[in-house]
C-alpha atoms as a PDB file:
ATOM      1  CA  MET A   1     -20.121  15.387 -17.868  1.00  0.00           C
ATOM      2  CA  GLN A   2     -18.350  13.296 -16.150  1.00  0.00           C
ATOM      3  CA  SER A   3     -18.180  13.244 -12.423  1.00  0.00           C
ATOM      4  CA  GLU A   4     -15.070  14.078 -10.533  1.00  0.00           C
ATOM      5  CA  VAL A   5     -13.584  11.232  -8.963  1.00  0.00           C
ATOM      6  CA  THR A   6     -13.847  10.963  -5.236  1.00  0.00           C
ATOM      7  CA  ALA A   7     -12.266   8.091  -2.420  1.00  0.00           C
ATOM      8  CA  PRO A   8     -13.276   7.290   0.807  1.00  0.00           C
ATOM      9  CA  LEU A   9     -10.582   8.042   3.265  1.00  0.00           C
ATOM     10  CA  ILE A  10     -10.291   6.449   6.861  1.00  0.00           C
ATOM     11  CA  ALA A  11      -7.704   9.036   8.209  1.00  0.00           C
ATOM     12  CA  ILE A  12      -4.647  11.710   7.035  1.00  0.00           C
ATOM     13  CA  ASN A  13      -1.624  11.783   9.551  1.00  0.00           C
ATOM     14  CA  ARG A  14       0.759  14.610   9.050  1.00  0.00           C
ATOM     15  CA  HIS A  15       4.331  15.244   9.881  1.00  0.00           C
ATOM     16  CA  ARG A  16       5.169  11.470   9.872  1.00  0.00           C
ATOM     17  CA  LEU A  17       9.242  11.153   9.868  1.00  0.00           C
ATOM     18  CA  THR A  18      10.884   8.510   8.541  1.00  0.00           C
ATOM     19  CA  THR A  19       8.099   6.082   8.679  1.00  0.00           C
ATOM     20  CA  ASP A  20       7.102   6.119   5.269  1.00  0.00           C
ATOM     21  CA  GLY A  21       9.759   6.585   2.886  1.00  0.00           C
ATOM     22  CA  GLU A  22      11.669   9.792   2.535  1.00  0.00           C
ATOM     23  CA  GLY A  23      11.685  12.747   4.840  1.00  0.00           C
ATOM     24  CA  ILE A  24       8.304  14.237   6.198  1.00  0.00           C
ATOM     25  CA  THR A  25       5.205  12.628   4.835  1.00  0.00           C
ATOM     26  CA  THR A  26       1.628  12.634   5.375  1.00  0.00           C
ATOM     27  CA  LEU A  27      -0.490   9.496   4.937  1.00  0.00           C
ATOM     28  CA  VAL A  28      -3.371   9.266   3.289  1.00  0.00           C
ATOM     29  CA  ALA A  29      -5.258   5.967   4.480  1.00  0.00           C
ATOM     30  CA  PHE A  30      -8.346   4.896   1.802  1.00  0.00           C
ATOM     31  CA  HIS A  31     -11.093   3.094   2.904  1.00  0.00           C
ATOM     32  CA  GLY A  32     -11.598  -0.619   1.557  1.00  0.00           C
ATOM     33  CA  CYS A  33      -9.489  -3.931   0.759  1.00  0.00           C
ATOM     34  CA  SER A  34      -9.670  -6.897  -1.380  1.00  0.00           C
ATOM     35  CA  LEU A  35      -8.118  -9.014   1.541  1.00  0.00           C
ATOM     36  CA  ARG A  36      -9.728 -10.306   5.072  1.00  0.00           C
ATOM     37  CA  CYS A  37      -6.579 -10.714   6.619  1.00  0.00           C
ATOM     38  CA  LYS A  38      -6.831 -12.742   9.602  1.00  0.00           C
ATOM     39  CA  TYR A  39      -4.809 -10.685  11.710  1.00  0.00           C
ATOM     40  CA  CYS A  40      -5.964  -6.898   9.940  1.00  0.00           C
ATOM     41  CA  LEU A  41      -3.854  -3.978  11.055  1.00  0.00           C
ATOM     42  CA  ASN A  42      -6.617  -1.552  10.259  1.00  0.00           C
ATOM     43  CA  PRO A  43     -10.198  -3.038  10.390  1.00  0.00           C
ATOM     44  CA  GLN A  44     -11.354   0.014  10.221  1.00  0.00           C
ATOM     45  CA  CYS A  45     -11.138   0.264   6.237  1.00  0.00           C
ATOM     46  CA  LEU A  46     -13.475  -2.945   6.152  1.00  0.00           C
ATOM     47  CA  GLN A  47     -16.310  -1.460   8.394  1.00  0.00           C
ATOM     48  CA  SER A  48     -19.290  -0.318   6.861  1.00  0.00           C
ATOM     49  CA  ASP A  49     -18.988   3.006   9.368  1.00  0.00           C
ATOM     50  CA  GLY A  50     -15.118   3.105   8.887  1.00  0.00           C
ATOM     51  CA  VAL A  51     -15.367   5.909   6.318  1.00  0.00           C
ATOM     52  CA  TRP A  52     -13.979   9.588   7.734  1.00  0.00           C
ATOM     53  CA  GLN A  53     -14.621  11.553   4.711  1.00  0.00           C
ATOM     54  CA  VAL A  54     -15.200  10.994   1.058  1.00  0.00           C
ATOM     55  CA  LEU A  55     -12.636  13.506  -0.874  1.00  0.00           C
ATOM     56  CA  THR A  56     -12.216  14.595  -4.376  1.00  0.00           C
ATOM     57  CA  PRO A  57      -8.713  14.728  -5.435  1.00  0.00           C
ATOM     58  CA  GLY A  58      -8.704  18.882  -4.917  1.00  0.00           C
ATOM     59  CA  GLU A  59     -10.353  18.571  -1.532  1.00  0.00           C
ATOM     60  CA  LEU A  60      -7.257  16.300  -0.479  1.00  0.00           C
ATOM     61  CA  TYR A  61      -4.860  18.596  -2.140  1.00  0.00           C
ATOM     62  CA  ALA A  62      -6.591  21.779  -0.088  1.00  0.00           C
ATOM     63  CA  GLU A  63      -6.036  19.298   3.324  1.00  0.00           C
ATOM     64  CA  VAL A  64      -2.716  18.585   2.420  1.00  0.00           C
ATOM     65  CA  GLU A  65      -0.855  21.447   0.818  1.00  0.00           C
ATOM     66  CA  ILE A  66      -0.373  22.940   4.483  1.00  0.00           C
ATOM     67  CA  ASP A  67       2.792  20.951   4.610  1.00  0.00           C
ATOM     68  CA  ASP A  68       4.206  22.072   1.541  1.00  0.00           C
ATOM     69  CA  LEU A  69       7.179  23.569   3.092  1.00  0.00           C
ATOM     70  CA  TYR A  70       7.882  20.558   5.438  1.00  0.00           C
ATOM     71  CA  PHE A  71       7.989  18.428   2.459  1.00  0.00           C
ATOM     72  CA  MET A  72      10.150  20.181  -0.076  1.00  0.00           C
ATOM     73  CA  ALA A  73      12.451  20.821   2.897  1.00  0.00           C
ATOM     74  CA  THR A  74      12.979  17.261   3.683  1.00  0.00           C
ATOM     75  CA  GLY A  75      12.113  15.836   0.535  1.00  0.00           C
ATOM     76  CA  GLY A  76       9.200  13.943   1.382  1.00  0.00           C
ATOM     77  CA  GLY A  77       5.788  13.707   0.147  1.00  0.00           C
ATOM     78  CA  ILE A  78       2.259  11.946   0.418  1.00  0.00           C
ATOM     79  CA  CYS A  79       2.202   8.013   1.376  1.00  0.00           C
ATOM     80  CA  PHE A  80      -1.451   6.373   0.184  1.00  0.00           C
ATOM     81  CA  GLY A  81      -1.923   3.596   2.584  1.00  0.00           C
ATOM     82  CA  GLY A  82      -5.218   2.185   3.590  1.00  0.00           C
ATOM     83  CA  GLY A  83      -7.051  -0.362   3.255  1.00  0.00           C
ATOM     84  CA  GLU A  84      -5.764  -0.806  -0.484  1.00  0.00           C
ATOM     85  CA  PRO A  85      -4.503   2.083  -2.044  1.00  0.00           C
ATOM     86  CA  LEU A  86      -4.624   0.673  -5.625  1.00  0.00           C
ATOM     87  CA  LEU A  87      -8.267   0.377  -5.467  1.00  0.00           C
ATOM     88  CA  GLN A  88      -8.333   3.926  -6.358  1.00  0.00           C
ATOM     89  CA  SER A  89      -5.634   4.622  -8.998  1.00  0.00           C
ATOM     90  CA  SER A  90      -7.561   6.902 -10.816  1.00  0.00           C
ATOM     91  CA  PHE A  91      -7.961   8.924  -7.517  1.00  0.00           C
ATOM     92  CA  ILE A  92      -4.393   8.743  -7.210  1.00  0.00           C
ATOM     93  CA  LYS A  93      -3.312   9.848 -10.580  1.00  0.00           C
ATOM     94  CA  ALA A  94      -5.927  12.532 -10.537  1.00  0.00           C
ATOM     95  CA  PHE A  95      -4.243  13.775  -7.343  1.00  0.00           C
ATOM     96  CA  ALA A  96      -0.576  13.413  -8.650  1.00  0.00           C
ATOM     97  CA  ASP A  97      -1.779  15.719 -11.728  1.00  0.00           C
ATOM     98  CA  ILE A  98      -2.588  18.540  -9.456  1.00  0.00           C
ATOM     99  CA  MET A  99      -0.167  18.469  -6.652  1.00  0.00           C
ATOM    100  CA  ASN A 100       3.467  19.537  -6.385  1.00  0.00           C
ATOM    101  CA  PRO A 101       5.675  17.927  -8.457  1.00  0.00           C
ATOM    102  CA  ALA A 102       8.392  18.035  -6.390  1.00  0.00           C
ATOM    103  CA  TRP A 103       6.637  15.876  -3.582  1.00  0.00           C
ATOM    104  CA  LYS A 104       7.403  12.285  -3.566  1.00  0.00           C
ATOM    105  CA  LEU A 105       4.282   9.844  -3.507  1.00  0.00           C
ATOM    106  CA  THR A 106       4.969   6.242  -1.374  1.00  0.00           C
ATOM    107  CA  ILE A 107       2.470   3.430  -1.562  1.00  0.00           C
ATOM    108  CA  GLU A 108       1.626   0.630   1.134  1.00  0.00           C
ATOM    109  CA  THR A 109       0.286  -1.705  -1.043  1.00  0.00           C
ATOM    110  CA  ALA A 110      -0.711  -5.705  -0.727  1.00  0.00           C
ATOM    111  CA  LEU A 111      -0.592  -5.360  -4.782  1.00  0.00           C
ATOM    112  CA  ASN A 112      -3.495  -7.770  -5.107  1.00  0.00           C
ATOM    113  CA  VAL A 113      -5.397  -5.623  -7.464  1.00  0.00           C
ATOM    114  CA  PRO A 114      -5.885  -5.503 -11.470  1.00  0.00           C
ATOM    115  CA  LEU A 115      -3.042  -5.089 -13.296  1.00  0.00           C
ATOM    116  CA  LYS A 116      -4.578  -1.750 -15.009  1.00  0.00           C
ATOM    117  CA  ASP A 117      -4.316  -0.160 -11.302  1.00  0.00           C
ATOM    118  CA  VAL A 118      -0.687  -0.581 -10.978  1.00  0.00           C
ATOM    119  CA  GLU A 119       0.341   0.455 -14.694  1.00  0.00           C
ATOM    120  CA  ARG A 120      -2.061   3.502 -14.247  1.00  0.00           C
ATOM    121  CA  VAL A 121       0.399   4.591 -11.480  1.00  0.00           C
ATOM    122  CA  ALA A 122       3.521   3.260 -11.700  1.00  0.00           C
ATOM    123  CA  PRO A 123       5.290   6.383 -13.157  1.00  0.00           C
ATOM    124  CA  LEU A 124       4.065   8.710 -10.141  1.00  0.00           C
ATOM    125  CA  ILE A 125       5.600   6.249  -7.401  1.00  0.00           C
ATOM    126  CA  HIS A 126       9.022   7.042  -6.205  1.00  0.00           C
ATOM    127  CA  THR A 127       8.711   4.216  -3.319  1.00  0.00           C
ATOM    128  CA  TRP A 128       6.590   0.922  -3.764  1.00  0.00           C
ATOM    129  CA  TYR A 129       6.203  -0.891   0.039  1.00  0.00           C
ATOM    130  CA  VAL A 130       4.871  -4.071  -0.947  1.00  0.00           C
ATOM    131  CA  ASP A 131       3.475  -6.535   1.795  1.00  0.00           C
ATOM    132  CA  ILE A 132       3.103 -10.068   0.119  1.00  0.00           C
ATOM    133  CA  LYS A 133       2.297 -11.648   2.815  1.00  0.00           C
ATOM    134  CA  ASP A 134       3.879 -14.946   1.720  1.00  0.00           C
ATOM    135  CA  LEU A 135       4.333 -16.219  -1.851  1.00  0.00           C
ATOM    136  CA  ASN A 136       2.796 -19.844  -0.959  1.00  0.00           C
ATOM    137  CA  SER A 137      -0.421 -19.638  -2.690  1.00  0.00           C
ATOM    138  CA  ASP A 138      -1.712 -22.213   0.203  1.00  0.00           C
ATOM    139  CA  ILE A 139      -0.384 -19.834   2.776  1.00  0.00           C
ATOM    140  CA  TYR A 140      -1.329 -16.706   1.191  1.00  0.00           C
ATOM    141  CA  LYS A 141      -4.795 -18.054   0.766  1.00  0.00           C
ATOM    142  CA  ALA A 142      -5.337 -19.284   4.352  1.00  0.00           C
ATOM    143  CA  TYR A 143      -4.117 -15.999   5.574  1.00  0.00           C
ATOM    144  CA  THR A 144      -6.144 -13.836   3.574  1.00  0.00           C
ATOM    145  CA  GLY A 145      -8.693 -15.221   1.962  1.00  0.00           C
ATOM    146  CA  LYS A 146      -7.887 -14.576  -1.727  1.00  0.00           C
ATOM    147  CA  GLU A 147      -5.565 -16.308  -4.330  1.00  0.00           C
ATOM    148  CA  ASN A 148      -2.300 -14.550  -5.117  1.00  0.00           C
ATOM    149  CA  ALA A 149      -2.124 -14.684  -8.837  1.00  0.00           C
ATOM    150  CA  SER A 150      -2.687 -11.086  -9.190  1.00  0.00           C
ATOM    151  CA  VAL A 151       0.438 -10.491  -6.598  1.00  0.00           C
ATOM    152  CA  ILE A 152       2.883 -12.409  -8.561  1.00  0.00           C
ATOM    153  CA  CYS A 153       1.706 -10.731 -11.901  1.00  0.00           C
ATOM    154  CA  ASN A 154       2.060  -7.371 -10.679  1.00  0.00           C
ATOM    155  CA  LEU A 155       4.956  -8.232  -9.385  1.00  0.00           C
ATOM    156  CA  THR A 156       6.508  -9.412 -12.600  1.00  0.00           C
ATOM    157  CA  TRP A 157       5.141  -6.637 -14.395  1.00  0.00           C
ATOM    158  CA  LEU A 158       6.889  -4.269 -12.135  1.00  0.00           C
ATOM    159  CA  ALA A 159      10.236  -6.129 -12.536  1.00  0.00           C
ATOM    160  CA  GLU A 160      10.058  -6.407 -16.196  1.00  0.00           C
ATOM    161  CA  ASN A 161       9.079  -2.474 -16.485  1.00  0.00           C
ATOM    162  CA  GLY A 162      12.113  -1.619 -14.716  1.00  0.00           C
ATOM    163  CA  TYR A 163      10.230  -0.551 -11.409  1.00  0.00           C
ATOM    164  CA  ALA A 164      12.266  -3.156  -9.207  1.00  0.00           C
ATOM    165  CA  ASP A 165      14.748  -0.986  -7.475  1.00  0.00           C
ATOM    166  CA  LYS A 166      11.894   1.437  -6.244  1.00  0.00           C
ATOM    167  CA  VAL A 167      10.296  -1.896  -4.506  1.00  0.00           C
ATOM    168  CA  ILE A 168      10.462  -2.888  -0.915  1.00  0.00           C
ATOM    169  CA  ILE A 169       9.159  -5.547   0.008  1.00  0.00           C
ATOM    170  CA  ARG A 170       7.595  -6.603   2.998  1.00  0.00           C
ATOM    171  CA  LEU A 171       8.527 -10.296   4.473  1.00  0.00           C
ATOM    172  CA  PRO A 172       6.626 -10.964   7.469  1.00  0.00           C
ATOM    173  CA  LEU A 173       6.835 -13.828   9.918  1.00  0.00           C
ATOM    174  CA  ILE A 174       3.237 -14.661  10.279  1.00  0.00           C
ATOM    175  CA  PRO A 175       2.420 -16.482  13.629  1.00  0.00           C
ATOM    176  CA  GLU A 176       0.348 -19.546  13.038  1.00  0.00           C
ATOM    177  CA  TYR A 177       0.670 -19.199   9.319  1.00  0.00           C
ATOM    178  CA  ASN A 178       4.097 -19.303   7.896  1.00  0.00           C
ATOM    179  CA  ALA A 179       7.723 -20.160   8.985  1.00  0.00           C
ATOM    180  CA  ASP A 180      10.831 -18.431   8.132  1.00  0.00           C
ATOM    181  CA  SER A 181      11.473 -21.168   5.720  1.00  0.00           C
ATOM    182  CA  HIS A 182       8.783 -19.988   3.740  1.00  0.00           C
ATOM    183  CA  ARG A 183       9.796 -16.671   4.082  1.00  0.00           C
ATOM    184  CA  GLN A 184      13.563 -17.278   2.594  1.00  0.00           C
ATOM    185  CA  VAL A 185      11.789 -20.048  -0.096  1.00  0.00           C
ATOM    186  CA  SER A 186       9.961 -16.167  -1.338  1.00  0.00           C
ATOM    187  CA  GLU A 187      12.934 -14.054  -0.561  1.00  0.00           C
ATOM    188  CA  GLN A 188      14.768 -16.024  -3.137  1.00  0.00           C
ATOM    189  CA  THR A 189      11.949 -16.209  -6.116  1.00  0.00           C
ATOM    190  CA  LEU A 190      12.010 -12.523  -5.417  1.00  0.00           C
ATOM    191  CA  LYS A 191      15.301 -12.210  -6.029  1.00  0.00           C
ATOM    192  CA  ASN A 192      15.282 -14.102  -8.945  1.00  0.00           C
ATOM    193  CA  MET A 193      12.375 -12.199 -10.301  1.00  0.00           C
ATOM    194  CA  GLY A 194      14.951  -9.213  -9.897  1.00  0.00           C
ATOM    195  CA  PHE A 195      13.992  -7.683  -6.652  1.00  0.00           C
ATOM    196  CA  HIS A 196      16.951  -6.748  -4.207  1.00  0.00           C
ATOM    197  CA  HIS A 197      15.159  -4.667  -1.526  1.00  0.00           C
ATOM    198  CA  PHE A 198      12.907  -6.491   1.658  1.00  0.00           C
ATOM    199  CA  ASP A 199      11.922  -5.315   4.826  1.00  0.00           C
ATOM    200  CA  HIS A 200      11.728  -8.538   7.363  1.00  0.00           C
ATOM    201  CA  PHE A 201       9.473  -8.193  10.537  1.00  0.00           C
ATOM    202  CA  THR A 202       7.272 -10.605  12.640  1.00  0.00           C
ATOM    203  CA  TYR A 203       3.564  -9.660  13.406  1.00  0.00           C
ATOM    204  CA  THR A 204       3.239  -9.220  17.071  1.00  0.00           C
ATOM    205  CA  LEU A 205      -0.523 -10.478  17.848  1.00  0.00           C
ATOM    206  CA  ALA A 206      -1.169  -8.357  20.962  1.00  0.00           C
ATOM    207  CA  HIS A 207      -1.239  -5.445  18.247  1.00  0.00           C
ATOM    208  CA  LEU A 208      -3.390  -7.072  16.016  1.00  0.00           C
ATOM    209  CA  THR A 209      -7.284  -8.398  16.058  1.00  0.00           C
ATOM    210  CA  SER A 210      -8.229 -11.764  14.400  1.00  0.00           C
ATOM    211  CA  ASP A 211     -12.128 -10.682  14.878  1.00  0.00           C
ATOM    212  CA  ILE A 212     -13.497  -9.528  11.486  1.00  0.00           C
ATOM    213  CA  LYS A 213     -15.902 -11.843  11.109  1.00  0.00           C
ATOM    214  CA  GLN A 214     -18.471  -9.043  11.332  1.00  0.00           C
ATOM    215  CA  LEU A 215     -16.835  -7.360   8.491  1.00  0.00           C
END
């Protein structure tokens, strides 16, 4: 008999308003990420001792259903973040199968995962927040330590399969790594692909850490 899927979490944060899409949401933050960003927002997701709980989809549902009334009254639901939530795509799919179908699912992702993980959850997601870092492959690798071919592949798939209007692409200005001119090139490329919703912001180093050598 196949064992039930589980996932490691670093946190569950309730009663978030207008932070993760529509209505009141609960953030479910997963442990684990394929990137090693120089200014990591959540270094706990990479630390070996950073796991808060390991839950099954049913156990997670038992934790979050207490806020069903808030979700239904405001049009909110669950936001999956991390870490990289798409590394837990099977868990997300299993959770969606048992949750209240009226809840909206939001995902915060860097999209640097195999395409199969995107395909598995795409029909379930109401809003995607995609932090692309920068589309320039050299900048991306210098900042994350990884190639961005999978990111571009997954963006292409989302656009070609009718999901572009559900995607909000985050275009950060990353001190010491990219400039506004790079960000403009990324945005134009994404517009040419069919994306139209963008979030521009600048990483503030005072709120970040670059010390991830021990992770």
